[in-house]
Amino acid sequence: MSPPVPNSPRSVIGFVDRLVLVAFAAVLAAIAALVVGVMGLANHDFGQELTGTAELLGLKALATVIEGTPVEDIGAMIRQAATAALAIWLAPIALVAVIGETMGKTSWMFYAIGMALAFAVAPMVMSLNILAIVLLYRALLGLLAIGIVAGTVYWLVAGRSAAG
């Protein structure tokens, strides 16, 4: 049997199928990362510093919601929450997933360690504020754990069969 022709309908459908699987796996990994992050914050009473972290990262409206005060501009809060979600939760997953898919990596270690490192670095890249970096240093272990869980979920759904 001959290999598929690059522009044949069969290869296009396979590409679209893979793209949908990768997107689905990234969303599941982001949900897993969010659950682990919230559980970690709740278990370690990090909520006291959550407001300060949000302010240091430039998410002022989010910080006022955390403090319990009403927000005048709900649109600003939604934009900040979406930006934070994309930058902190989805960007590291997408980065490692794209690299793994492009290189055809099927190793659990690649996705787990890669996402752990990406999660640890993402908040520092998002904010060049030195105080934010120092505050986030305390949460480094939690970020690494979040990345390992996200990487494992991604690998279980899509990474084991990375196309390359």
C-alpha atoms as a PDB file:
ATOM      1  CA  MET A   1       0.000   0.000   0.000  1.00  0.00           C
ATOM      2  CA  SER A   2       1.420   3.409  -0.938  1.00  0.00           C
ATOM      3  CA  PRO A   3       1.710   6.252   1.588  1.00  0.00           C
ATOM      4  CA  PRO A   4      -1.059   8.894   1.487  1.00  0.00           C
ATOM      5  CA  VAL A   5      -0.561  11.815  -0.851  1.00  0.00           C
ATOM      6  CA  PRO A   6      -0.109  15.066   1.161  1.00  0.00           C
ATOM      7  CA  ASN A   7      -3.065  16.902  -0.424  1.00  0.00           C
ATOM      8  CA  SER A   8      -5.405  13.942  -0.713  1.00  0.00           C
ATOM      9  CA  PRO A   9      -8.800  14.198   1.025  1.00  0.00           C
ATOM     10  CA  ARG A  10      -7.769  11.362   3.336  1.00  0.00           C
ATOM     11  CA  SER A  11      -4.743  13.278   4.676  1.00  0.00           C
ATOM     12  CA  VAL A  12      -6.780  16.483   5.043  1.00  0.00           C
ATOM     13  CA  ILE A  13      -9.422  14.648   7.062  1.00  0.00           C
ATOM     14  CA  GLY A  14      -6.698  13.049   9.181  1.00  0.00           C
ATOM     15  CA  PHE A  15      -5.164  16.470   9.804  1.00  0.00           C
ATOM     16  CA  VAL A  16      -8.520  17.938  10.836  1.00  0.00           C
ATOM     17  CA  ASP A  17      -9.197  14.937  13.097  1.00  0.00           C
ATOM     18  CA  ARG A  18      -5.805  15.387  14.740  1.00  0.00           C
ATOM     19  CA  LEU A  19      -6.373  19.129  15.152  1.00  0.00           C
ATOM     20  CA  VAL A  20      -9.707  18.502  16.893  1.00  0.00           C
ATOM     21  CA  LEU A  21      -8.119  15.858  19.143  1.00  0.00           C
ATOM     22  CA  VAL A  22      -5.253  18.198  20.088  1.00  0.00           C
ATOM     23  CA  ALA A  23      -7.677  21.045  20.870  1.00  0.00           C
ATOM     24  CA  PHE A  24      -9.874  18.713  22.940  1.00  0.00           C
ATOM     25  CA  ALA A  25      -6.846  17.395  24.837  1.00  0.00           C
ATOM     26  CA  ALA A  26      -5.615  20.954  25.500  1.00  0.00           C
ATOM     27  CA  VAL A  27      -9.009  21.956  26.915  1.00  0.00           C
ATOM     28  CA  LEU A  28      -9.107  18.876  29.161  1.00  0.00           C
ATOM     29  CA  ALA A  29      -5.546  19.595  30.312  1.00  0.00           C
ATOM     30  CA  ALA A  30      -6.520  23.212  31.080  1.00  0.00           C
ATOM     31  CA  ILE A  31      -9.510  22.045  33.120  1.00  0.00           C
ATOM     32  CA  ALA A  32      -7.309  19.596  35.031  1.00  0.00           C
ATOM     33  CA  ALA A  33      -4.743  22.351  35.632  1.00  0.00           C
ATOM     34  CA  LEU A  34      -7.451  24.697  36.897  1.00  0.00           C
ATOM     35  CA  VAL A  35      -8.845  22.064  39.273  1.00  0.00           C
ATOM     36  CA  VAL A  36      -5.387  21.257  40.670  1.00  0.00           C
ATOM     37  CA  GLY A  37      -4.576  24.969  40.986  1.00  0.00           C
ATOM     38  CA  VAL A  38      -7.788  25.767  42.859  1.00  0.00           C
ATOM     39  CA  MET A  39      -7.338  22.743  45.129  1.00  0.00           C
ATOM     40  CA  GLY A  40      -3.765  23.772  45.849  1.00  0.00           C
ATOM     41  CA  LEU A  41      -4.770  27.331  46.683  1.00  0.00           C
ATOM     42  CA  ALA A  42      -7.591  26.130  48.940  1.00  0.00           C
ATOM     43  CA  ASN A  43      -5.420  23.588  50.760  1.00  0.00           C
ATOM     44  CA  HIS A  44      -2.510  25.938  51.415  1.00  0.00           C
ATOM     45  CA  ASP A  45      -4.497  29.017  52.402  1.00  0.00           C
ATOM     46  CA  PHE A  46      -2.867  30.986  49.596  1.00  0.00           C
ATOM     47  CA  GLY A  47      -6.070  33.040  49.269  1.00  0.00           C
ATOM     48  CA  GLN A  48      -4.603  35.722  51.517  1.00  0.00           C
ATOM     49  CA  GLU A  49      -1.953  36.462  48.889  1.00  0.00           C
ATOM     50  CA  LEU A  50      -4.224  35.896  45.893  1.00  0.00           C
ATOM     51  CA  THR A  51      -5.383  39.508  45.849  1.00  0.00           C
ATOM     52  CA  GLY A  52      -1.807  40.766  45.933  1.00  0.00           C
ATOM     53  CA  THR A  53      -0.821  38.367  43.169  1.00  0.00           C
ATOM     54  CA  ALA A  54      -3.702  39.529  40.969  1.00  0.00           C
ATOM     55  CA  GLU A  55      -2.738  43.186  41.499  1.00  0.00           C
ATOM     56  CA  LEU A  56       0.937  42.506  40.773  1.00  0.00           C
ATOM     57  CA  LEU A  57      -0.024  40.796  37.530  1.00  0.00           C
ATOM     58  CA  GLY A  58      -2.035  43.854  36.486  1.00  0.00           C
ATOM     59  CA  LEU A  59      -5.439  42.288  37.105  1.00  0.00           C
ATOM     60  CA  LYS A  60      -6.868  45.114  39.254  1.00  0.00           C
ATOM     61  CA  ALA A  61     -10.559  44.355  38.607  1.00  0.00           C
ATOM     62  CA  LEU A  62      -9.985  40.691  39.464  1.00  0.00           C
ATOM     63  CA  ALA A  63      -8.281  41.716  42.713  1.00  0.00           C
ATOM     64  CA  THR A  64     -11.289  43.847  43.723  1.00  0.00           C
ATOM     65  CA  VAL A  65     -13.623  40.892  43.143  1.00  0.00           C
ATOM     66  CA  ILE A  66     -11.373  38.679  45.275  1.00  0.00           C
ATOM     67  CA  GLU A  67     -11.522  41.284  48.050  1.00  0.00           C
ATOM     68  CA  GLY A  68     -15.306  41.256  47.824  1.00  0.00           C
ATOM     69  CA  THR A  69     -15.856  44.819  46.651  1.00  0.00           C
ATOM     70  CA  PRO A  70     -18.181  45.400  43.705  1.00  0.00           C
ATOM     71  CA  VAL A  71     -16.613  46.105  40.339  1.00  0.00           C
ATOM     72  CA  GLU A  72     -17.870  49.115  38.405  1.00  0.00           C
ATOM     73  CA  ASP A  73     -16.617  47.897  35.040  1.00  0.00           C
ATOM     74  CA  ILE A  74     -17.686  44.277  34.620  1.00  0.00           C
ATOM     75  CA  GLY A  75     -16.278  44.261  31.067  1.00  0.00           C
ATOM     76  CA  ALA A  76     -12.791  45.015  32.409  1.00  0.00           C
ATOM     77  CA  MET A  77     -13.083  42.161  34.877  1.00  0.00           C
ATOM     78  CA  ILE A  78     -14.158  39.725  32.152  1.00  0.00           C
ATOM     79  CA  ARG A  79     -11.303  40.859  29.865  1.00  0.00           C
ATOM     80  CA  GLN A  80      -8.778  40.473  32.687  1.00  0.00           C
ATOM     81  CA  ALA A  81     -10.116  37.037  33.643  1.00  0.00           C
ATOM     82  CA  ALA A  82      -9.964  35.889  30.006  1.00  0.00           C
ATOM     83  CA  THR A  83      -6.434  37.257  29.617  1.00  0.00           C
ATOM     84  CA  ALA A  84      -5.310  35.523  32.788  1.00  0.00           C
ATOM     85  CA  ALA A  85      -6.925  32.252  31.718  1.00  0.00           C
ATOM     86  CA  LEU A  86      -5.279  32.355  28.318  1.00  0.00           C
ATOM     87  CA  ALA A  87      -1.878  33.470  29.553  1.00  0.00           C
ATOM     88  CA  ILE A  88      -1.622  31.300  32.631  1.00  0.00           C
ATOM     89  CA  TRP A  89      -3.629  28.173  31.778  1.00  0.00           C
ATOM     90  CA  LEU A  90      -3.849  27.709  28.039  1.00  0.00           C
ATOM     91  CA  ALA A  91      -0.620  29.215  26.667  1.00  0.00           C
ATOM     92  CA  PRO A  92       1.775  26.758  28.378  1.00  0.00           C
ATOM     93  CA  ILE A  93      -0.357  23.801  27.316  1.00  0.00           C
ATOM     94  CA  ALA A  94      -0.616  25.025  23.729  1.00  0.00           C
ATOM     95  CA  LEU A  95       3.110  25.753  23.506  1.00  0.00           C
ATOM     96  CA  VAL A  96       4.195  22.305  24.656  1.00  0.00           C
ATOM     97  CA  ALA A  97       1.448  20.578  22.647  1.00  0.00           C
ATOM     98  CA  VAL A  98       2.483  22.304  19.414  1.00  0.00           C
ATOM     99  CA  ILE A  99       6.155  21.492  19.984  1.00  0.00           C
ATOM    100  CA  GLY A 100       5.341  17.870  20.854  1.00  0.00           C
ATOM    101  CA  GLU A 101       3.023  17.433  17.862  1.00  0.00           C
ATOM    102  CA  THR A 102       5.508  19.034  15.481  1.00  0.00           C
ATOM    103  CA  MET A 103       8.392  16.901  16.705  1.00  0.00           C
ATOM    104  CA  GLY A 104       6.261  13.742  17.024  1.00  0.00           C
ATOM    105  CA  LYS A 105       7.023  13.313  20.722  1.00  0.00           C
ATOM    106  CA  THR A 106       5.081  10.462  22.303  1.00  0.00           C
ATOM    107  CA  SER A 107       6.868  10.377  25.661  1.00  0.00           C
ATOM    108  CA  TRP A 108       4.940  11.105  28.849  1.00  0.00           C
ATOM    109  CA  MET A 109       8.089  12.728  30.272  1.00  0.00           C
ATOM    110  CA  PHE A 110       8.210  15.258  27.439  1.00  0.00           C
ATOM    111  CA  TYR A 111       4.668  16.496  28.086  1.00  0.00           C
ATOM    112  CA  ALA A 112       4.791  16.313  31.905  1.00  0.00           C
ATOM    113  CA  ILE A 113       8.184  18.025  32.318  1.00  0.00           C
ATOM    114  CA  GLY A 114       7.603  20.410  29.405  1.00  0.00           C
ATOM    115  CA  MET A 115       4.281  21.634  30.764  1.00  0.00           C
ATOM    116  CA  ALA A 116       5.636  21.794  34.310  1.00  0.00           C
ATOM    117  CA  LEU A 117       8.411  24.107  33.133  1.00  0.00           C
ATOM    118  CA  ALA A 118       6.027  26.095  30.936  1.00  0.00           C
ATOM    119  CA  PHE A 119       3.617  26.613  33.845  1.00  0.00           C
ATOM    120  CA  ALA A 120       6.470  27.686  36.115  1.00  0.00           C
ATOM    121  CA  VAL A 121       7.741  30.253  33.611  1.00  0.00           C
ATOM    122  CA  ALA A 122       4.405  31.558  32.218  1.00  0.00           C
ATOM    123  CA  PRO A 123       3.515  33.939  35.082  1.00  0.00           C
ATOM    124  CA  MET A 124       7.035  35.350  35.068  1.00  0.00           C
ATOM    125  CA  VAL A 125       6.849  36.008  31.340  1.00  0.00           C
ATOM    126  CA  MET A 126       3.372  37.509  31.667  1.00  0.00           C
ATOM    127  CA  SER A 127       4.571  40.033  34.240  1.00  0.00           C
ATOM    128  CA  LEU A 128       8.041  41.482  34.348  1.00  0.00           C
ATOM    129  CA  ASN A 129       7.284  42.905  37.784  1.00  0.00           C
ATOM    130  CA  ILE A 130      10.019  41.707  40.168  1.00  0.00           C
ATOM    131  CA  LEU A 131       7.613  41.607  43.130  1.00  0.00           C
ATOM    132  CA  ALA A 132       5.309  39.297  41.187  1.00  0.00           C
ATOM    133  CA  ILE A 133       8.201  36.984  40.376  1.00  0.00           C
ATOM    134  CA  VAL A 134       9.249  36.828  44.044  1.00  0.00           C
ATOM    135  CA  LEU A 135       5.666  36.152  45.136  1.00  0.00           C
ATOM    136  CA  LEU A 136       5.225  33.490  42.465  1.00  0.00           C
ATOM    137  CA  TYR A 137       8.498  31.834  43.491  1.00  0.00           C
ATOM    138  CA  ARG A 138       6.665  30.692  46.609  1.00  0.00           C
ATOM    139  CA  ALA A 139       4.078  29.011  44.397  1.00  0.00           C
ATOM    140  CA  LEU A 140       6.658  27.364  42.119  1.00  0.00           C
ATOM    141  CA  LEU A 141       6.080  23.864  43.469  1.00  0.00           C
ATOM    142  CA  GLY A 142       2.348  24.240  42.902  1.00  0.00           C
ATOM    143  CA  LEU A 143       2.894  25.476  39.352  1.00  0.00           C
ATOM    144  CA  LEU A 144       5.166  22.522  38.630  1.00  0.00           C
ATOM    145  CA  ALA A 145       2.502  20.132  39.971  1.00  0.00           C
ATOM    146  CA  ILE A 146      -0.152  21.824  37.844  1.00  0.00           C
ATOM    147  CA  GLY A 147       2.056  21.409  34.774  1.00  0.00           C
ATOM    148  CA  ILE A 148       2.712  17.745  35.465  1.00  0.00           C
ATOM    149  CA  VAL A 149      -1.019  17.063  35.803  1.00  0.00           C
ATOM    150  CA  ALA A 150      -1.826  19.050  32.649  1.00  0.00           C
ATOM    151  CA  GLY A 151       0.961  17.296  30.746  1.00  0.00           C
ATOM    152  CA  THR A 152      -0.248  13.894  31.889  1.00  0.00           C
ATOM    153  CA  VAL A 153      -3.842  14.615  30.855  1.00  0.00           C
ATOM    154  CA  TYR A 154      -2.701  15.914  27.465  1.00  0.00           C
ATOM    155  CA  TRP A 155      -0.448  12.898  26.935  1.00  0.00           C
ATOM    156  CA  LEU A 156      -3.247  10.468  27.861  1.00  0.00           C
ATOM    157  CA  VAL A 157      -5.654  12.038  25.359  1.00  0.00           C
ATOM    158  CA  ALA A 158      -3.428  13.070  22.446  1.00  0.00           C
ATOM    159  CA  GLY A 159       0.293  12.984  23.221  1.00  0.00           C
ATOM    160  CA  ARG A 160       0.760   9.218  23.034  1.00  0.00           C
ATOM    161  CA  SER A 161      -0.106   9.323  19.363  1.00  0.00           C
ATOM    162  CA  ALA A 162       1.634  12.562  18.333  1.00  0.00           C
ATOM    163  CA  ALA A 163       1.840  12.717  14.577  1.00  0.00           C
ATOM    164  CA  GLY A 164       5.192  14.373  13.992  1.00  0.00           C
END
